[in-house]
Amino acid sequence: MSCPAWVDARVRVHVLLWAVLAGTAYGLVAAIVPNPVFGRQIPPEPFAVAVWLLSAPLIGIIGATYSAPWGQATAPVALLGADGAVGAGAVGDAPSRDGGPATWLGGAASLGAFLAIGCPVCNKVALVLLGTSGALSVWAPIQPILGAV
């Protein structure tokens, strides 16, 4: 009997590596983790730290779906046939990575998490469109909502 993909050690390693990569990159660029390259005008809010810590493992799962080796232990057993009926699939077939709606949703969620944790005044798009006071009075209150979504 084969294990589900989330049990396979190779997939778990890929999830962990992607989560660490995403957490490190997001933390450094959003300056939640202090560093000499990126800075913040406003200290991070508690919700930004929570969104940062919760989104990294989720981004890790998304990244692992593209990089993990889908072999014998993680292959689906039943696949949809060309006529839409469930048929016996060959063990070892890779899952579909066709860039469907789930791919766009995961990418949009990752971008939303990044925008939610950033400094509202350091966001150049918000700053150009809204000005400094608009970034603080309009964009900053939207960030927790964006992080929750």
N, C-alpha and C. Protein backbone atom coordinates (compact mmCIF):
# COMPACT_ATOMS: atom_id res chain seq x y z
N MET A 1 0.84 -1.18 0.00
CA MET A 1 0.00 0.00 0.00
C MET A 1 0.89 1.24 0.00
N SER A 2 0.60 2.18 -0.88
CA SER A 2 1.43 3.38 -0.99
C SER A 2 0.94 4.47 -0.03
N CYS A 3 1.86 5.32 0.37
CA CYS A 3 1.56 6.41 1.30
C CYS A 3 1.04 7.62 0.53
N PRO A 4 0.20 8.44 1.17
CA PRO A 4 -0.19 9.71 0.54
C PRO A 4 1.03 10.61 0.39
N ALA A 5 0.93 11.58 -0.49
CA ALA A 5 2.07 12.46 -0.79
C ALA A 5 2.57 13.20 0.44
N TRP A 6 1.69 13.57 1.35
CA TRP A 6 2.13 14.34 2.52
C TRP A 6 2.89 13.50 3.52
N VAL A 7 2.86 12.18 3.39
CA VAL A 7 3.59 11.30 4.30
C VAL A 7 4.98 11.01 3.77
N ASP A 8 5.17 11.02 2.47
CA ASP A 8 6.45 10.69 1.87
C ASP A 8 7.53 11.65 2.35
N ALA A 9 8.66 11.14 2.79
CA ALA A 9 9.73 11.95 3.36
C ALA A 9 10.31 12.93 2.35
N ARG A 10 10.39 12.54 1.09
CA ARG A 10 10.95 13.43 0.08
C ARG A 10 10.08 14.67 -0.09
N VAL A 11 8.79 14.49 -0.06
CA VAL A 11 7.88 15.63 -0.21
C VAL A 11 7.97 16.52 1.03
N ARG A 12 8.05 15.92 2.20
CA ARG A 12 8.17 16.72 3.42
C ARG A 12 9.45 17.55 3.43
N VAL A 13 10.55 17.00 2.91
CA VAL A 13 11.80 17.75 2.85
C VAL A 13 11.64 18.94 1.91
N HIS A 14 10.99 18.74 0.78
CA HIS A 14 10.77 19.85 -0.15
C HIS A 14 9.86 20.92 0.46
N VAL A 15 8.83 20.50 1.18
CA VAL A 15 7.96 21.47 1.85
C VAL A 15 8.77 22.29 2.86
N LEU A 16 9.60 21.63 3.63
CA LEU A 16 10.41 22.32 4.63
C LEU A 16 11.39 23.29 3.97
N LEU A 17 12.05 22.86 2.90
CA LEU A 17 13.01 23.73 2.23
C LEU A 17 12.33 24.96 1.63
N TRP A 18 11.19 24.76 0.97
CA TRP A 18 10.45 25.90 0.40
C TRP A 18 9.94 26.82 1.49
N ALA A 19 9.48 26.26 2.61
CA ALA A 19 8.97 27.09 3.71
C ALA A 19 10.09 27.95 4.30
N VAL A 20 11.27 27.37 4.48
CA VAL A 20 12.40 28.13 5.01
C VAL A 20 12.83 29.20 4.00
N LEU A 21 12.86 28.85 2.72
CA LEU A 21 13.22 29.82 1.69
C LEU A 21 12.22 30.98 1.65
N ALA A 22 10.93 30.66 1.64
CA ALA A 22 9.90 31.71 1.59
C ALA A 22 9.93 32.56 2.86
N GLY A 23 10.04 31.92 4.02
CA GLY A 23 10.08 32.68 5.27
C GLY A 23 11.28 33.59 5.35
N THR A 24 12.43 33.10 4.90
CA THR A 24 13.64 33.92 4.92
C THR A 24 13.53 35.08 3.94
N ALA A 25 13.11 34.77 2.72
CA ALA A 25 13.01 35.83 1.70
C ALA A 25 11.98 36.88 2.09
N TYR A 26 10.80 36.46 2.49
CA TYR A 26 9.76 37.42 2.88
C TYR A 26 10.18 38.21 4.11
N GLY A 27 10.78 37.54 5.08
CA GLY A 27 11.20 38.21 6.30
C GLY A 27 12.28 39.25 6.06
N LEU A 28 13.23 38.93 5.17
CA LEU A 28 14.30 39.89 4.89
C LEU A 28 13.81 41.06 4.04
N VAL A 29 13.06 40.78 2.98
CA VAL A 29 12.62 41.85 2.08
C VAL A 29 11.61 42.76 2.77
N ALA A 30 10.73 42.20 3.59
CA ALA A 30 9.76 43.03 4.31
C ALA A 30 10.36 43.63 5.57
N ALA A 31 11.62 43.32 5.85
CA ALA A 31 12.36 43.84 6.99
C ALA A 31 11.71 43.49 8.32
N ILE A 32 11.03 42.35 8.37
CA ILE A 32 10.57 41.83 9.65
C ILE A 32 11.78 41.30 10.40
N VAL A 33 12.68 40.67 9.65
CA VAL A 33 13.98 40.27 10.19
C VAL A 33 14.93 41.43 9.89
N PRO A 34 15.46 42.09 10.93
CA PRO A 34 16.34 43.24 10.69
C PRO A 34 17.57 42.83 9.87
N ASN A 35 17.89 43.64 8.88
CA ASN A 35 19.05 43.37 8.04
C ASN A 35 19.56 44.69 7.48
N PRO A 36 20.81 44.72 7.02
CA PRO A 36 21.38 46.00 6.55
C PRO A 36 20.91 46.41 5.14
N VAL A 37 20.27 45.52 4.41
CA VAL A 37 19.89 45.84 3.03
C VAL A 37 18.51 46.49 2.96
N PHE A 38 17.54 45.91 3.65
CA PHE A 38 16.17 46.41 3.61
C PHE A 38 15.80 47.00 4.96
N GLY A 39 15.06 48.09 4.94
CA GLY A 39 14.64 48.73 6.19
C GLY A 39 13.16 49.07 6.15
N ARG A 40 12.62 49.40 7.29
CA ARG A 40 11.21 49.79 7.41
C ARG A 40 11.14 51.16 8.05
N GLN A 41 10.17 51.96 7.60
CA GLN A 41 9.91 53.25 8.22
C GLN A 41 9.05 53.07 9.47
N ILE A 42 8.20 52.04 9.45
CA ILE A 42 7.27 51.76 10.53
C ILE A 42 7.55 50.35 11.02
N PRO A 43 7.66 50.12 12.33
CA PRO A 43 7.92 48.77 12.82
C PRO A 43 6.79 47.81 12.44
N PRO A 44 7.10 46.52 12.27
CA PRO A 44 6.06 45.56 11.88
C PRO A 44 4.99 45.40 12.95
N GLU A 45 3.76 45.34 12.50
CA GLU A 45 2.63 45.11 13.40
C GLU A 45 2.59 43.63 13.79
N PRO A 46 1.95 43.28 14.89
CA PRO A 46 1.85 41.86 15.27
C PRO A 46 1.16 40.99 14.22
N PHE A 47 0.16 41.55 13.51
CA PHE A 47 -0.50 40.75 12.48
C PHE A 47 0.47 40.42 11.34
N ALA A 48 1.40 41.33 11.04
CA ALA A 48 2.36 41.09 9.96
C ALA A 48 3.28 39.93 10.31
N VAL A 49 3.70 39.86 11.56
CA VAL A 49 4.54 38.75 12.00
C VAL A 49 3.74 37.44 11.94
N ALA A 50 2.47 37.48 12.35
CA ALA A 50 1.63 36.28 12.30
C ALA A 50 1.41 35.81 10.86
N VAL A 51 1.11 36.75 9.96
CA VAL A 51 0.92 36.39 8.55
C VAL A 51 2.21 35.83 7.97
N TRP A 52 3.34 36.41 8.32
CA TRP A 52 4.63 35.95 7.85
C TRP A 52 4.88 34.50 8.30
N LEU A 53 4.64 34.23 9.58
CA LEU A 53 4.90 32.89 10.10
C LEU A 53 3.90 31.85 9.59
N LEU A 54 2.66 32.25 9.34
CA LEU A 54 1.65 31.31 8.85
C LEU A 54 1.74 31.08 7.34
N SER A 55 2.18 32.08 6.60
CA SER A 55 2.21 31.93 5.14
C SER A 55 3.42 31.13 4.66
N ALA A 56 4.52 31.14 5.38
CA ALA A 56 5.72 30.42 4.94
C ALA A 56 5.47 28.92 4.75
N PRO A 57 4.84 28.22 5.71
CA PRO A 57 4.56 26.79 5.46
C PRO A 57 3.58 26.55 4.32
N LEU A 58 2.63 27.45 4.15
CA LEU A 58 1.68 27.29 3.04
C LEU A 58 2.37 27.49 1.69
N ILE A 59 3.26 28.46 1.62
CA ILE A 59 4.05 28.66 0.41
C ILE A 59 4.96 27.46 0.19
N GLY A 60 5.45 26.87 1.28
CA GLY A 60 6.27 25.66 1.17
C GLY A 60 5.51 24.51 0.54
N ILE A 61 4.25 24.36 0.88
CA ILE A 61 3.43 23.30 0.28
C ILE A 61 3.25 23.56 -1.21
N ILE A 62 2.99 24.81 -1.57
CA ILE A 62 2.82 25.15 -2.98
C ILE A 62 4.12 24.88 -3.75
N GLY A 63 5.24 25.32 -3.21
CA GLY A 63 6.52 25.10 -3.88
C GLY A 63 6.86 23.63 -4.03
N ALA A 64 6.53 22.83 -3.02
CA ALA A 64 6.84 21.40 -3.08
C ALA A 64 6.03 20.69 -4.16
N THR A 65 4.86 21.20 -4.49
CA THR A 65 4.08 20.54 -5.54
C THR A 65 4.78 20.64 -6.89
N TYR A 66 5.69 21.61 -7.04
CA TYR A 66 6.41 21.76 -8.29
C TYR A 66 7.79 21.11 -8.26
N SER A 67 8.40 20.99 -7.10
CA SER A 67 9.78 20.53 -7.06
C SER A 67 9.97 19.12 -6.48
N ALA A 68 9.01 18.64 -5.72
CA ALA A 68 9.18 17.33 -5.07
C ALA A 68 9.18 16.22 -6.12
N PRO A 69 10.00 15.20 -5.90
CA PRO A 69 10.03 14.08 -6.84
C PRO A 69 8.81 13.18 -6.62
N TRP A 70 7.92 13.16 -7.59
CA TRP A 70 6.71 12.35 -7.49
C TRP A 70 7.03 10.98 -8.06
N GLY A 71 7.36 10.06 -7.19
CA GLY A 71 7.75 8.72 -7.64
C GLY A 71 6.72 7.68 -7.29
N GLN A 72 7.17 6.47 -7.13
CA GLN A 72 6.30 5.33 -6.89
C GLN A 72 5.44 5.50 -5.64
N ALA A 73 6.02 6.01 -4.57
CA ALA A 73 5.27 6.07 -3.31
C ALA A 73 4.24 7.18 -3.29
N THR A 74 4.38 8.17 -4.15
CA THR A 74 3.47 9.32 -4.08
C THR A 74 2.53 9.41 -5.27
N ALA A 75 2.57 8.44 -6.17
CA ALA A 75 1.78 8.54 -7.39
C ALA A 75 0.32 8.25 -7.14
N PRO A 76 -0.57 8.92 -7.87
CA PRO A 76 -1.99 8.62 -7.75
C PRO A 76 -2.29 7.24 -8.35
N VAL A 77 -3.26 6.55 -7.79
CA VAL A 77 -3.60 5.22 -8.26
C VAL A 77 -4.72 5.29 -9.30
N ALA A 78 -5.65 6.21 -9.15
CA ALA A 78 -6.74 6.34 -10.11
C ALA A 78 -6.67 7.70 -10.78
N LEU A 79 -6.77 7.71 -12.08
CA LEU A 79 -6.72 8.96 -12.84
C LEU A 79 -7.97 9.08 -13.69
N LEU A 80 -8.33 10.31 -14.02
CA LEU A 80 -9.46 10.52 -14.92
C LEU A 80 -9.03 10.22 -16.34
N GLY A 81 -9.84 9.45 -17.02
CA GLY A 81 -9.57 9.14 -18.41
C GLY A 81 -9.98 10.29 -19.31
N ALA A 82 -9.74 10.13 -20.61
CA ALA A 82 -10.07 11.17 -21.58
C ALA A 82 -11.57 11.43 -21.64
N ASP A 83 -12.36 10.39 -21.35
CA ASP A 83 -13.82 10.55 -21.38
C ASP A 83 -14.38 11.06 -20.05
N GLY A 84 -13.51 11.32 -19.07
CA GLY A 84 -13.96 11.83 -17.78
C GLY A 84 -14.26 10.75 -16.76
N ALA A 85 -14.19 9.49 -17.17
CA ALA A 85 -14.46 8.39 -16.25
C ALA A 85 -13.19 8.05 -15.48
N VAL A 86 -13.37 7.59 -14.26
CA VAL A 86 -12.23 7.19 -13.46
C VAL A 86 -11.75 5.84 -13.95
N GLY A 87 -10.46 5.77 -14.22
CA GLY A 87 -9.88 4.50 -14.68
C GLY A 87 -8.65 4.20 -13.89
N ALA A 88 -8.09 3.04 -14.10
CA ALA A 88 -6.89 2.64 -13.37
C ALA A 88 -5.70 3.34 -13.98
N GLY A 89 -5.02 4.13 -13.20
CA GLY A 89 -3.84 4.83 -13.67
C GLY A 89 -2.60 4.02 -13.35
N ALA A 90 -1.55 4.28 -14.06
CA ALA A 90 -0.31 3.57 -13.81
C ALA A 90 0.38 4.19 -12.60
N VAL A 91 0.87 3.33 -11.72
CA VAL A 91 1.61 3.82 -10.57
C VAL A 91 2.88 4.45 -11.09
N GLY A 92 3.19 5.66 -10.63
CA GLY A 92 4.36 6.37 -11.10
C GLY A 92 4.01 7.56 -11.97
N ASP A 93 2.74 7.71 -12.36
CA ASP A 93 2.34 8.87 -13.14
C ASP A 93 2.41 10.11 -12.26
N ALA A 94 2.91 11.18 -12.79
CA ALA A 94 3.04 12.42 -12.03
C ALA A 94 1.71 13.15 -12.01
N PRO A 95 1.42 13.89 -10.92
CA PRO A 95 0.20 14.69 -10.89
C PRO A 95 0.28 15.81 -11.92
N SER A 96 -0.87 16.32 -12.29
CA SER A 96 -0.93 17.36 -13.30
C SER A 96 -0.37 18.67 -12.75
N ARG A 97 0.50 19.29 -13.52
CA ARG A 97 1.06 20.59 -13.17
C ARG A 97 0.79 21.54 -14.33
N ASP A 98 -0.48 21.65 -14.69
CA ASP A 98 -0.86 22.35 -15.91
C ASP A 98 -1.06 23.84 -15.75
N GLY A 99 -0.89 24.41 -14.56
CA GLY A 99 -1.07 25.84 -14.38
C GLY A 99 -2.52 26.23 -14.34
N GLY A 100 -3.37 25.40 -13.78
CA GLY A 100 -4.80 25.68 -13.69
C GLY A 100 -5.12 26.71 -12.63
N PRO A 101 -6.40 26.81 -12.26
CA PRO A 101 -6.83 27.83 -11.29
C PRO A 101 -6.12 27.73 -9.95
N ALA A 102 -5.80 26.54 -9.51
CA ALA A 102 -5.13 26.39 -8.22
C ALA A 102 -3.75 27.03 -8.25
N THR A 103 -3.07 26.97 -9.38
CA THR A 103 -1.76 27.58 -9.50
C THR A 103 -1.86 29.10 -9.36
N TRP A 104 -2.83 29.69 -10.03
CA TRP A 104 -3.00 31.14 -9.95
C TRP A 104 -3.46 31.56 -8.56
N LEU A 105 -4.27 30.76 -7.93
CA LEU A 105 -4.74 31.08 -6.58
C LEU A 105 -3.59 31.05 -5.58
N GLY A 106 -2.74 30.05 -5.69
CA GLY A 106 -1.57 29.97 -4.81
C GLY A 106 -0.61 31.12 -5.02
N GLY A 107 -0.39 31.49 -6.27
CA GLY A 107 0.48 32.63 -6.56
C GLY A 107 -0.10 33.94 -6.06
N ALA A 108 -1.40 34.11 -6.23
CA ALA A 108 -2.07 35.33 -5.75
C ALA A 108 -2.03 35.39 -4.23
N ALA A 109 -2.22 34.25 -3.58
CA ALA A 109 -2.17 34.22 -2.11
C ALA A 109 -0.76 34.55 -1.62
N SER A 110 0.27 34.06 -2.31
CA SER A 110 1.64 34.37 -1.93
C SER A 110 1.94 35.86 -2.08
N LEU A 111 1.47 36.45 -3.17
CA LEU A 111 1.64 37.89 -3.37
C LEU A 111 0.87 38.68 -2.33
N GLY A 112 -0.35 38.25 -2.03
CA GLY A 112 -1.15 38.91 -1.00
C GLY A 112 -0.48 38.87 0.36
N ALA A 113 0.12 37.73 0.70
CA ALA A 113 0.83 37.63 1.97
C ALA A 113 2.01 38.58 2.01
N PHE A 114 2.72 38.69 0.89
CA PHE A 114 3.86 39.60 0.83
C PHE A 114 3.41 41.05 0.99
N LEU A 115 2.34 41.43 0.32
CA LEU A 115 1.83 42.80 0.44
C LEU A 115 1.28 43.08 1.83
N ALA A 116 0.76 42.06 2.50
CA ALA A 116 0.19 42.25 3.83
C ALA A 116 1.25 42.49 4.90
N ILE A 117 2.46 41.94 4.71
CA ILE A 117 3.47 42.07 5.76
C ILE A 117 4.41 43.24 5.53
N GLY A 118 4.36 43.86 4.36
CA GLY A 118 5.28 44.95 4.06
C GLY A 118 4.93 46.23 4.79
N CYS A 119 5.90 47.10 4.87
CA CYS A 119 5.71 48.42 5.46
C CYS A 119 4.78 49.23 4.53
N PRO A 120 3.70 49.83 5.06
CA PRO A 120 2.79 50.55 4.18
C PRO A 120 3.42 51.76 3.50
N VAL A 121 4.37 52.40 4.15
CA VAL A 121 5.02 53.57 3.57
C VAL A 121 6.13 53.15 2.60
N CYS A 122 6.67 51.95 2.76
CA CYS A 122 7.74 51.46 1.88
C CYS A 122 7.19 50.86 0.59
N ASN A 123 5.89 50.62 0.51
CA ASN A 123 5.27 50.07 -0.68
C ASN A 123 5.18 51.19 -1.71
N LYS A 124 6.02 51.12 -2.73
CA LYS A 124 6.13 52.21 -3.70
C LYS A 124 4.84 52.43 -4.48
N VAL A 125 4.11 51.37 -4.77
CA VAL A 125 2.85 51.52 -5.52
C VAL A 125 1.83 52.27 -4.66
N ALA A 126 1.68 51.87 -3.40
CA ALA A 126 0.75 52.55 -2.51
C ALA A 126 1.18 53.99 -2.27
N LEU A 127 2.48 54.19 -2.17
CA LEU A 127 3.00 55.54 -1.93
C LEU A 127 2.74 56.46 -3.12
N VAL A 128 2.93 55.95 -4.34
CA VAL A 128 2.70 56.78 -5.53
C VAL A 128 1.21 57.05 -5.72
N LEU A 129 0.37 56.02 -5.53
CA LEU A 129 -1.06 56.18 -5.76
C LEU A 129 -1.76 56.97 -4.65
N LEU A 130 -1.32 56.78 -3.40
CA LEU A 130 -2.06 57.35 -2.27
C LEU A 130 -1.30 58.44 -1.52
N GLY A 131 -0.01 58.54 -1.71
CA GLY A 131 0.77 59.49 -0.93
C GLY A 131 1.07 58.89 0.45
N THR A 132 1.88 59.59 1.21
CA THR A 132 2.27 59.07 2.52
C THR A 132 1.09 58.96 3.47
N SER A 133 0.28 60.00 3.56
CA SER A 133 -0.87 59.95 4.47
C SER A 133 -1.90 58.93 3.99
N GLY A 134 -2.08 58.79 2.68
CA GLY A 134 -3.01 57.79 2.15
C GLY A 134 -2.53 56.38 2.38
N ALA A 135 -1.22 56.17 2.28
CA ALA A 135 -0.67 54.84 2.54
C ALA A 135 -0.91 54.45 4.00
N LEU A 136 -0.81 55.41 4.89
CA LEU A 136 -1.04 55.11 6.31
C LEU A 136 -2.53 55.03 6.66
N SER A 137 -3.36 55.86 6.03
CA SER A 137 -4.77 55.88 6.40
C SER A 137 -5.64 54.94 5.56
N VAL A 138 -5.19 54.58 4.35
CA VAL A 138 -5.99 53.70 3.48
C VAL A 138 -5.36 52.31 3.38
N TRP A 139 -4.06 52.25 3.01
CA TRP A 139 -3.43 50.96 2.76
C TRP A 139 -3.17 50.19 4.05
N ALA A 140 -2.68 50.85 5.09
CA ALA A 140 -2.36 50.16 6.34
C ALA A 140 -3.57 49.44 6.95
N PRO A 141 -4.79 50.02 6.97
CA PRO A 141 -5.93 49.27 7.51
C PRO A 141 -6.36 48.08 6.63
N ILE A 142 -6.01 48.11 5.34
CA ILE A 142 -6.37 47.00 4.45
C ILE A 142 -5.42 45.82 4.62
N GLN A 143 -4.20 46.06 5.05
CA GLN A 143 -3.21 45.00 5.15
C GLN A 143 -3.64 43.83 6.04
N PRO A 144 -4.22 44.03 7.22
CA PRO A 144 -4.66 42.87 8.02
C PRO A 144 -5.74 42.05 7.30
N ILE A 145 -6.62 42.73 6.58
CA ILE A 145 -7.67 42.03 5.84
C ILE A 145 -7.03 41.19 4.73
N LEU A 146 -6.08 41.79 4.02
CA LEU A 146 -5.36 41.09 2.97
C LEU A 146 -4.61 39.88 3.53
N GLY A 147 -4.01 40.05 4.69
CA GLY A 147 -3.31 38.94 5.33
C GLY A 147 -4.24 37.82 5.75
N ALA A 148 -5.43 38.17 6.20
CA ALA A 148 -6.40 37.15 6.60
C ALA A 148 -6.92 36.37 5.40
N VAL A 149 -7.08 37.08 4.28
CA VAL A 149 -7.56 36.41 3.06
C VAL A 149 -6.49 35.48 2.55
